[in-house]
Protein backbone atom coordinates (compact mmCIF):
# COMPACT_ATOMS: atom_id res chain seq x y z
CA MET A 1 142.76 154.82 -123.09
CA ARG A 2 141.95 157.26 -126.15
CA ASP A 3 140.53 155.57 -128.81
CA GLN A 4 144.45 155.55 -131.07
CA SER A 5 142.18 154.32 -134.32
CA PRO A 6 141.77 156.76 -137.67
CA PRO A 7 139.56 159.14 -137.35
CA SER A 8 136.55 159.20 -139.70
CA THR A 9 134.93 161.90 -141.32
CA PRO A 10 134.39 164.26 -139.26
CA PRO A 11 131.33 165.26 -138.67
CA ASP A 12 128.82 168.00 -140.09
CA LEU A 13 128.80 170.59 -137.37
CA PHE A 14 125.34 173.96 -138.25
CA THR A 15 123.21 171.74 -139.44
CA TRP A 16 119.57 171.32 -138.01
CA GLU A 17 120.14 167.81 -136.79
CA PHE A 18 122.61 168.61 -135.32
CA ALA A 19 121.14 171.66 -133.42
CA ALA A 20 119.18 169.15 -131.79
CA ASN A 21 121.87 167.15 -130.73
CA PRO A 22 125.29 168.61 -130.80
CA TYR A 23 126.81 166.26 -128.07
CA PRO A 24 127.49 163.00 -130.22
CA ALA A 25 129.04 166.01 -132.70
CA TYR A 26 131.32 167.38 -129.83
CA ALA A 27 132.01 163.75 -128.27
CA TRP A 28 134.23 162.77 -132.22
CA LEU A 29 135.59 165.79 -131.85
CA ARG A 30 136.88 166.13 -128.61
CA GLU A 31 138.75 162.51 -129.15
CA HIS A 32 139.32 163.30 -132.39
CA ALA A 33 140.68 167.30 -133.24
CA PRO A 34 139.57 169.00 -130.01
CA VAL A 35 141.45 171.94 -131.73
CA HIS A 36 139.37 171.82 -135.13
CA LYS A 37 139.46 174.17 -137.40
CA THR A 38 135.60 174.70 -139.11
CA LYS A 39 134.40 177.29 -141.61
CA LEU A 40 131.20 179.11 -139.55
CA PRO A 41 127.61 179.48 -141.68
CA SER A 42 128.82 183.07 -141.11
CA GLY A 43 131.61 182.30 -143.85
CA VAL A 44 134.00 183.31 -140.72
CA ASP A 45 136.73 180.22 -140.51
CA ALA A 46 137.25 179.80 -136.65
CA TRP A 47 139.51 177.47 -134.18
CA LEU A 48 136.39 174.76 -131.86
CA VAL A 49 138.55 174.36 -128.98
CA THR A 50 136.37 171.31 -126.81
CA ARG A 51 138.33 169.39 -124.69
CA TYR A 52 137.73 170.65 -121.04
CA ALA A 53 141.44 171.17 -120.19
CA ASP A 54 142.63 173.37 -122.73
CA ALA A 55 139.04 175.17 -122.79
CA ARG A 56 139.94 176.34 -119.35
CA GLN A 57 143.34 178.13 -120.65
CA THR A 58 142.36 179.19 -123.12
CA LEU A 59 139.00 181.09 -121.21
CA ALA A 60 142.01 182.93 -118.90
CA ASP A 61 144.61 183.08 -121.42
CA ASN A 62 145.35 187.11 -121.98
CA ARG A 63 147.06 186.55 -124.96
CA LEU A 64 143.41 186.17 -126.37
CA SER A 65 141.26 189.23 -126.88
CA LYS A 66 137.59 189.56 -126.73
CA ASN A 67 138.58 193.38 -129.46
CA PRO A 68 137.25 192.19 -132.33
CA ALA A 69 140.04 194.80 -133.56
CA HIS A 70 143.00 192.11 -133.64
CA HIS A 71 140.42 189.88 -136.35
CA GLU A 72 142.65 189.80 -139.31
CA GLU A 73 139.33 189.21 -141.40
CA PRO A 74 138.92 192.16 -143.77
CA ALA A 75 137.13 195.14 -142.36
CA HIS A 76 133.79 194.33 -144.47
CA ALA A 77 133.57 190.76 -142.66
CA LYS A 78 134.31 191.65 -139.19
CA GLY A 79 130.08 192.51 -138.54
CA LYS A 80 130.11 189.10 -138.82
CA THR A 81 132.02 188.33 -135.82
CA GLY A 82 129.71 189.39 -132.14
CA ILE A 83 126.65 190.45 -131.72
CA PRO A 84 123.89 191.37 -135.03
CA GLY A 85 123.88 195.06 -135.20
CA GLU A 86 126.41 196.17 -132.37
CA ARG A 87 128.75 197.45 -134.86
CA GLN A 88 126.08 199.76 -136.50
CA ALA A 89 124.62 201.02 -133.31
CA ASP A 90 127.41 202.73 -131.94
CA LEU A 91 127.57 199.72 -128.78
CA MET A 92 130.99 198.15 -129.24
CA THR A 93 132.53 199.10 -126.67
CA HIS A 94 131.34 196.84 -123.74
CA LEU A 95 132.44 194.06 -121.48
CA LEU A 96 132.26 191.16 -124.27
CA ASN A 97 134.22 193.26 -126.56
CA ILE A 98 136.92 194.58 -125.03
CA ASP A 99 140.06 193.59 -122.69
CA PRO A 100 142.02 195.29 -119.11
CA PRO A 101 142.30 198.20 -118.39
CA ASP A 102 139.72 199.20 -119.84
CA HIS A 103 137.49 195.55 -118.83
CA THR A 104 138.38 196.08 -115.27
CA ARG A 105 137.20 199.83 -114.92
CA LEU A 106 133.90 199.37 -116.35
CA ARG A 107 133.56 195.86 -114.36
CA ARG A 108 134.12 197.53 -111.49
CA LEU A 109 131.18 199.76 -112.08
CA VAL A 110 128.35 196.89 -112.42
CA SER A 111 130.12 194.22 -110.35
CA LYS A 112 128.10 195.73 -107.41
CA ALA A 113 124.91 195.59 -108.79
CA PHE A 114 124.53 191.29 -108.80
CA THR A 115 126.74 191.19 -105.36
CA PRO A 116 125.52 187.87 -103.50
CA ARG A 117 123.52 190.26 -101.14
CA ARG A 118 122.53 192.96 -104.10
CA VAL A 119 120.91 189.96 -105.61
CA ALA A 120 119.26 188.08 -102.43
CA GLU A 121 117.52 191.66 -101.91
CA PHE A 122 116.01 190.75 -105.12
CA ALA A 123 114.91 187.86 -104.63
CA PRO A 124 110.98 188.71 -103.65
CA ARG A 125 110.86 190.24 -106.69
CA VAL A 126 112.00 187.25 -108.53
CA GLN A 127 109.34 185.27 -106.70
CA GLU A 128 106.65 187.95 -107.73
CA LEU A 129 107.11 188.03 -111.70
CA THR A 130 107.23 183.98 -111.23
CA ASP A 131 104.19 183.70 -109.42
CA ASP A 132 102.53 186.36 -111.90
CA LEU A 133 103.81 184.49 -114.40
CA ILE A 134 102.59 181.19 -113.78
CA ASP A 135 98.88 182.79 -112.77
CA ARG A 136 98.49 184.59 -116.04
CA PHE A 137 99.50 181.56 -118.26
CA THR A 138 97.26 178.79 -115.88
CA ARG A 139 94.08 181.23 -115.84
CA GLY A 140 91.45 178.65 -117.62
CA SER A 141 94.24 177.08 -119.03
CA ASP A 142 95.39 173.74 -118.77
CA THR A 143 98.19 174.50 -121.18
CA ALA A 144 101.17 176.65 -122.03
CA ASP A 145 104.42 177.08 -124.19
CA LEU A 146 107.08 177.51 -121.64
CA ILE A 147 109.21 179.30 -123.13
CA HIS A 148 107.27 182.14 -124.71
CA ASP A 149 104.74 182.35 -121.55
CA PHE A 150 107.47 181.97 -118.66
CA ALA A 151 110.62 181.49 -119.64
CA PHE A 152 111.09 184.53 -122.14
CA PRO A 153 109.44 187.10 -119.89
CA LEU A 154 111.05 186.70 -116.62
CA PRO A 155 114.16 187.31 -117.11
CA ILE A 156 113.12 190.42 -119.44
CA TYR A 157 111.00 191.59 -116.47
CA ALA A 158 113.91 190.79 -113.87
CA ILE A 159 116.67 192.99 -115.66
CA CYS A 160 114.27 196.24 -116.56
CA ASP A 161 113.41 196.33 -113.14
CA LEU A 162 117.31 196.10 -112.18
CA LEU A 163 118.54 198.48 -114.68
CA GLY A 164 115.60 200.64 -114.69
CA VAL A 165 113.55 200.96 -117.65
CA PRO A 166 109.86 201.75 -115.91
CA ARG A 167 107.30 199.31 -115.96
CA GLU A 168 105.46 200.65 -118.79
CA ASP A 169 108.51 200.75 -121.63
CA GLN A 170 109.29 197.37 -120.62
CA ASP A 171 107.22 195.58 -123.27
CA ASP A 172 108.59 197.22 -126.23
CA PHE A 173 111.93 195.58 -124.37
CA ARG A 174 110.32 192.70 -124.90
CA ASP A 175 109.49 193.01 -128.36
CA TRP A 176 112.90 194.01 -129.22
CA ALA A 177 114.55 190.96 -126.83
CA GLY A 178 112.09 188.41 -129.17
CA MET A 179 113.43 189.86 -132.35
CA MET A 180 116.81 189.14 -131.13
CA ILE A 181 115.93 185.29 -130.45
CA ARG A 182 113.60 184.46 -133.14
CA HIS A 183 116.01 185.85 -135.57
CA GLY A 184 119.36 184.21 -133.76
CA GLY A 185 119.94 182.00 -136.59
CA GLY A 186 118.50 183.60 -139.66
CA PRO A 187 118.92 187.26 -141.50
CA ARG A 188 120.53 190.10 -139.43
CA GLY A 189 118.68 192.15 -140.14
CA GLY A 190 115.71 191.73 -137.91
CA VAL A 191 118.01 191.94 -134.75
CA ALA A 192 120.24 194.96 -136.14
CA ARG A 193 116.63 196.46 -136.80
CA SER A 194 116.43 195.75 -133.05
CA VAL A 195 119.08 196.47 -131.04
CA LYS A 196 119.01 199.89 -133.01
CA LYS A 197 116.16 200.59 -131.11
CA MET A 198 117.13 199.34 -128.37
CA ARG A 199 119.81 202.05 -128.79
CA GLY A 200 117.81 204.65 -129.21
CA TYR A 201 115.70 204.42 -126.39
CA LEU A 202 118.82 203.41 -123.89
CA ALA A 203 120.12 206.82 -124.67
CA GLU A 204 117.47 209.05 -123.93
CA LEU A 205 116.71 206.78 -120.66
CA ILE A 206 120.44 208.49 -119.57
CA HIS A 207 119.80 211.12 -121.04
CA ARG A 208 115.75 211.54 -118.75
CA LYS A 209 117.54 209.25 -115.54
CA ARG A 210 120.51 211.97 -116.19
CA GLN A 211 118.71 214.65 -115.97
CA ALA A 212 115.95 213.43 -112.33
CA LEU A 213 119.49 212.26 -110.89
CA PRO A 214 119.44 212.71 -107.15
CA ALA A 215 122.44 214.90 -105.61
CA GLU A 216 123.03 211.84 -103.42
CA PRO A 217 122.29 208.12 -103.96
CA VAL A 218 118.99 206.22 -102.76
CA PRO A 219 118.69 202.84 -101.52
CA GLY A 220 117.95 200.21 -103.87
CA GLU A 221 118.83 202.47 -106.53
CA ASP A 222 118.74 200.96 -110.29
CA LEU A 223 121.73 199.74 -112.72
CA ILE A 224 121.43 202.97 -114.86
CA SER A 225 121.27 205.54 -113.23
CA GLY A 226 124.52 203.75 -111.34
CA LEU A 227 126.06 203.86 -114.47
CA ILE A 228 125.20 208.07 -114.74
CA ARG A 229 126.63 208.53 -111.11
CA ALA A 230 129.80 207.11 -111.80
CA SER A 231 130.71 208.65 -115.32
CA ASP A 232 129.85 211.75 -113.20
CA HIS A 233 131.87 211.25 -110.55
CA GLY A 234 135.40 210.89 -112.38
CA GLU A 235 134.84 207.58 -113.45
CA HIS A 236 135.22 208.82 -117.00
CA LEU A 237 132.49 206.76 -118.27
CA THR A 238 131.06 207.78 -121.76
CA GLU A 239 127.23 207.86 -122.98
CA ASN A 240 128.39 205.52 -124.97
CA GLU A 241 130.23 203.23 -122.93
CA ALA A 242 126.70 203.68 -120.76
CA ALA A 243 124.57 202.57 -123.57
CA ALA A 244 127.08 199.91 -124.49
CA MET A 245 127.31 198.77 -120.80
CA ALA A 246 123.19 198.66 -120.47
CA PHE A 247 122.40 196.70 -123.75
CA ILE A 248 125.16 193.68 -122.84
CA LEU A 249 123.93 193.31 -119.59
CA LEU A 250 120.09 193.51 -121.04
CA PHE A 251 121.21 191.16 -124.56
CA ALA A 252 123.53 188.59 -122.10
CA GLY A 253 121.36 188.59 -119.10
CA PHE A 254 118.40 187.89 -120.52
CA GLU A 255 118.45 185.05 -123.40
CA THR A 256 121.27 183.05 -120.97
CA THR A 257 118.04 182.49 -118.38
CA VAL A 258 115.82 181.91 -121.15
CA ASN A 259 117.61 179.05 -121.78
CA LEU A 260 118.60 178.63 -118.07
CA ILE A 261 114.79 178.10 -117.58
CA GLY A 262 114.08 176.04 -120.90
CA ASN A 263 116.88 173.76 -121.29
CA GLY A 264 116.71 173.27 -117.75
CA THR A 265 112.74 172.39 -117.30
CA TYR A 266 113.44 169.76 -120.34
CA ALA A 267 115.60 168.21 -119.20
CA LEU A 268 113.45 167.76 -115.65
CA LEU A 269 110.45 166.84 -118.03
CA THR A 270 112.93 163.87 -119.99
CA HIS A 271 114.34 162.53 -116.74
CA PRO A 272 111.30 161.73 -114.47
CA GLU A 273 113.23 159.94 -111.79
CA GLN A 274 115.73 163.13 -111.69
CA ARG A 275 112.98 165.35 -111.70
CA GLU A 276 110.72 163.46 -109.16
CA ARG A 277 113.67 163.48 -106.79
CA LEU A 278 113.77 167.52 -106.89
CA GLN A 279 109.99 167.47 -105.92
CA ARG A 280 110.80 165.26 -103.01
CA ALA A 281 113.48 167.36 -101.73
CA LEU A 282 111.07 170.55 -102.46
CA ALA A 283 108.05 168.86 -100.52
CA GLU A 284 110.73 168.55 -97.78
CA GLY A 285 112.40 171.62 -97.47
CA ASP A 286 115.57 170.60 -99.14
CA ARG A 287 116.65 173.01 -100.85
CA GLY A 288 120.41 171.14 -101.33
CA LEU A 289 119.22 169.90 -104.49
CA LEU A 290 117.69 172.96 -106.18
CA GLU A 291 121.36 174.91 -105.99
CA THR A 292 123.25 171.42 -106.46
CA GLY A 293 120.54 170.65 -109.12
CA VAL A 294 120.73 173.75 -110.99
CA GLU A 295 124.44 173.68 -111.63
CA GLU A 296 124.09 169.97 -113.22
CA LEU A 297 121.46 171.36 -115.34
CA LEU A 298 123.98 173.95 -116.98
CA ARG A 299 126.53 171.57 -117.51
CA TYR A 300 124.22 168.96 -118.65
CA ASP A 301 122.66 170.91 -121.55
CA GLY A 302 123.65 174.15 -120.35
CA PRO A 303 122.21 177.86 -122.27
CA VAL A 304 125.71 179.15 -123.95
CA GLU A 305 126.65 176.67 -126.07
CA LEU A 306 130.42 178.25 -127.05
CA ALA A 307 131.82 181.37 -125.18
CA THR A 308 132.26 184.25 -127.28
CA TRP A 309 134.90 185.20 -129.71
CA ARG A 310 138.33 185.32 -128.85
CA PHE A 311 141.21 186.41 -131.27
CA ALA A 312 144.74 185.34 -131.38
CA THR A 313 146.90 188.78 -130.52
CA GLU A 314 149.83 186.57 -131.29
CA ALA A 315 150.86 182.72 -132.26
CA VAL A 316 149.52 180.27 -129.59
CA VAL A 317 149.25 176.35 -128.41
CA ILE A 318 146.40 174.99 -127.08
CA GLY A 319 145.98 171.39 -127.06
CA GLY A 320 149.40 170.86 -128.97
CA GLN A 321 147.29 173.10 -131.70
CA ARG A 322 148.77 176.34 -133.62
CA ILE A 323 146.41 179.39 -133.47
CA GLU A 324 148.18 182.17 -135.36
CA THR A 325 147.57 185.56 -134.70
CA GLY A 326 144.64 187.35 -135.54
CA ASP A 327 142.85 184.04 -136.46
CA PRO A 328 139.09 183.64 -134.22
CA VAL A 329 139.06 180.78 -131.03
CA LEU A 330 135.91 179.38 -129.73
CA VAL A 331 135.63 177.70 -126.83
CA VAL A 332 132.66 175.36 -126.62
CA LEU A 333 131.66 175.23 -123.04
CA ALA A 334 129.07 172.40 -124.02
CA ALA A 335 131.99 169.89 -125.35
CA ALA A 336 133.63 170.51 -122.64
CA ASP A 337 131.20 170.68 -119.88
CA ARG A 338 130.28 166.81 -121.49
CA ASP A 339 134.40 165.91 -121.71
CA PRO A 340 135.27 162.24 -119.70
CA GLU A 341 138.48 163.68 -118.48
CA ARG A 342 137.17 165.62 -116.09
CA PHE A 343 132.74 164.25 -115.16
CA ASP A 344 132.30 161.33 -114.59
CA ASP A 345 129.36 160.03 -116.03
CA PRO A 346 129.64 162.94 -118.84
CA ASP A 347 126.45 162.37 -120.64
CA THR A 348 124.51 161.34 -117.62
CA LEU A 349 122.20 164.08 -115.47
CA ASP A 350 122.91 163.80 -112.04
CA LEU A 351 120.83 166.94 -109.64
CA GLY A 352 123.57 166.04 -106.80
CA ARG A 353 126.94 166.12 -108.64
CA ARG A 354 129.02 167.51 -106.15
CA ASP A 355 132.80 167.92 -107.96
CA ASN A 356 130.89 170.14 -110.62
CA GLN A 357 133.04 172.94 -111.16
CA HIS A 358 131.18 173.69 -115.55
CA LEU A 359 132.38 176.26 -117.12
CA GLY A 360 128.31 177.00 -118.00
CA TYR A 361 129.16 180.71 -117.28
CA GLY A 362 133.03 180.68 -118.22
CA HIS A 363 136.04 181.12 -116.78
CA GLY A 364 138.69 183.80 -115.80
CA ILE A 365 138.18 187.17 -116.10
CA HIS A 366 135.67 187.44 -118.10
CA TYR A 367 133.52 185.01 -115.81
CA CYS A 368 129.90 186.04 -116.77
CA LEU A 369 128.97 189.07 -113.93
CA GLY A 370 125.19 187.66 -113.76
CA ALA A 371 125.29 184.42 -112.50
CA PRO A 372 124.09 185.04 -109.18
CA LEU A 373 121.43 186.94 -110.10
CA ALA A 374 120.99 183.40 -113.27
CA ARG A 375 120.86 181.73 -110.46
CA LEU A 376 118.25 183.12 -108.35
CA GLU A 377 116.17 183.36 -111.20
CA GLY A 378 116.86 179.53 -112.65
CA GLN A 379 116.13 178.35 -108.85
CA THR A 380 112.93 180.35 -108.06
CA ALA A 381 112.12 179.68 -111.49
CA LEU A 382 112.28 175.63 -111.35
CA ALA A 383 111.58 175.26 -107.83
CA THR A 384 108.36 177.46 -108.37
CA LEU A 385 106.96 175.43 -111.21
CA LEU A 386 107.54 172.01 -109.58
CA THR A 387 105.32 173.34 -106.18
CA ARG A 388 102.54 174.25 -108.08
CA LEU A 389 102.22 172.45 -110.95
CA PRO A 390 102.95 168.85 -109.97
CA ASP A 391 102.69 167.01 -112.99
CA LEU A 392 103.49 169.10 -115.83
CA ARG A 393 104.38 167.22 -118.43
CA LEU A 394 105.40 167.65 -122.03
CA ALA A 395 102.62 168.22 -124.50
CA ALA A 396 104.76 167.15 -127.35
CA ASP A 397 107.00 164.65 -128.86
CA PRO A 398 110.56 165.53 -128.16
CA ALA A 399 111.88 164.47 -131.63
CA GLU A 400 109.42 166.96 -132.63
CA LEU A 401 111.06 170.18 -130.54
CA ARG A 402 112.81 172.68 -132.72
CA TRP A 403 116.38 174.14 -131.28
CA ARG A 404 116.83 178.12 -132.28
CA GLY A 405 119.50 177.89 -134.95
CA GLY A 406 122.39 180.35 -133.97
CA LEU A 407 125.99 180.05 -133.00
CA ILE A 408 126.54 181.09 -129.43
CA MET A 409 123.48 180.45 -127.51
CA ARG A 410 120.84 177.01 -126.79
CA GLY A 411 117.82 177.49 -126.37
CA LEU A 412 114.36 176.36 -127.23
CA ARG A 413 112.10 177.63 -130.07
CA THR A 414 109.42 176.46 -127.92
CA LEU A 415 108.54 174.50 -124.75
CA PRO A 416 104.46 173.30 -125.14
CA VAL A 417 103.19 171.21 -121.58
CA GLU A 418 100.16 170.16 -119.95
CA PHE A 419 99.20 169.97 -116.43
CA SER A 420 96.59 169.91 -114.07
CA PRO A 421 95.34 173.77 -112.75
CA PRO A 422 96.86 174.65 -109.52
CA ARG A 423 95.37 175.51 -106.52
CA SER A 424 93.88 178.75 -106.34
CA GLY A 425 95.93 181.05 -104.71
CA HIS A 426 99.88 180.56 -103.83
CA THR A 427 102.99 181.10 -101.48
């Protein structure tokens, strides 16, 4: 039975204290105000959906559009929703902002880059990147910041390789992406400038690749070349769409994995019995616990706190609450994935959890396209860290760690660690 006593005062949302541990506030909302209207830090009023059943229904409801044109806010305020800078940089026509049939067409074009077979072919490169980064930060040192030195560069270099960004340009992407993360909860201007630089670079890269594109596809062709080939062969992909697609794959494909690796490592370091359980399984050559473990880390403290924006195209009822046409709706994945109505002992980390249909990568037609790649990177990163640095430990009081501000993503600013230098060489 749910508590029927009168609700107390709603908790404060979006404070620094809330960012450190939002789960008690989300538990209150699930209990007392499961579909709750609040004013976001940007000044936009939006509905927060916090129960699992309501969240799953909302994510699949085609009356809720991804297109910001359906937002009823005045035109001058529309820049307050979505990714900072994407409107000014003419990068709006990507998968997170469009509905069928355009969404169906564009998703089909890129989905082949993320098939299980293509991702499996990419696995050796992810392992190589992982080992190289560990070699780099352990060379002559027994301390590191796992966000800056490992969790951040790994997915940047991986997605750049997949897109076809030349190696000599990848550090520029790392700088621009770093600006997006650093300014996640602060002024949007720094992010917008980085988005604009990235847009200019992508336009130039698309032009260069189009000029050099061979007549027939080559095995393992990079994703940008594939997008150009589709646009040149009847799929009607405009240059803006190609640039926006490359941008969102980079933007959505790196920060989620940064947070998966960072949050996941932090959870393991603060739950030593679970970490030791996983290390034993890996030592025995059993990767089953690694696979269920990454899914549990996605549920327990996942990289995406709120699903990206949706806007009601007509009046809808969610969880008994009427949502008016044009109202923004944000599904709180972090709250839904700890709903006791769906998960046993939801606040307990259990790497062997089997019944785990979490919403960490969404649900419905906007289910995360890059989930197979993110899973590969997360599994590779965590397994290699725990194997090569078996005594890895936190080098800071958990209470001193700071989480990045921002609305959609959940991730640590830094993760200081200590370790014994690894044995020379690696497998």
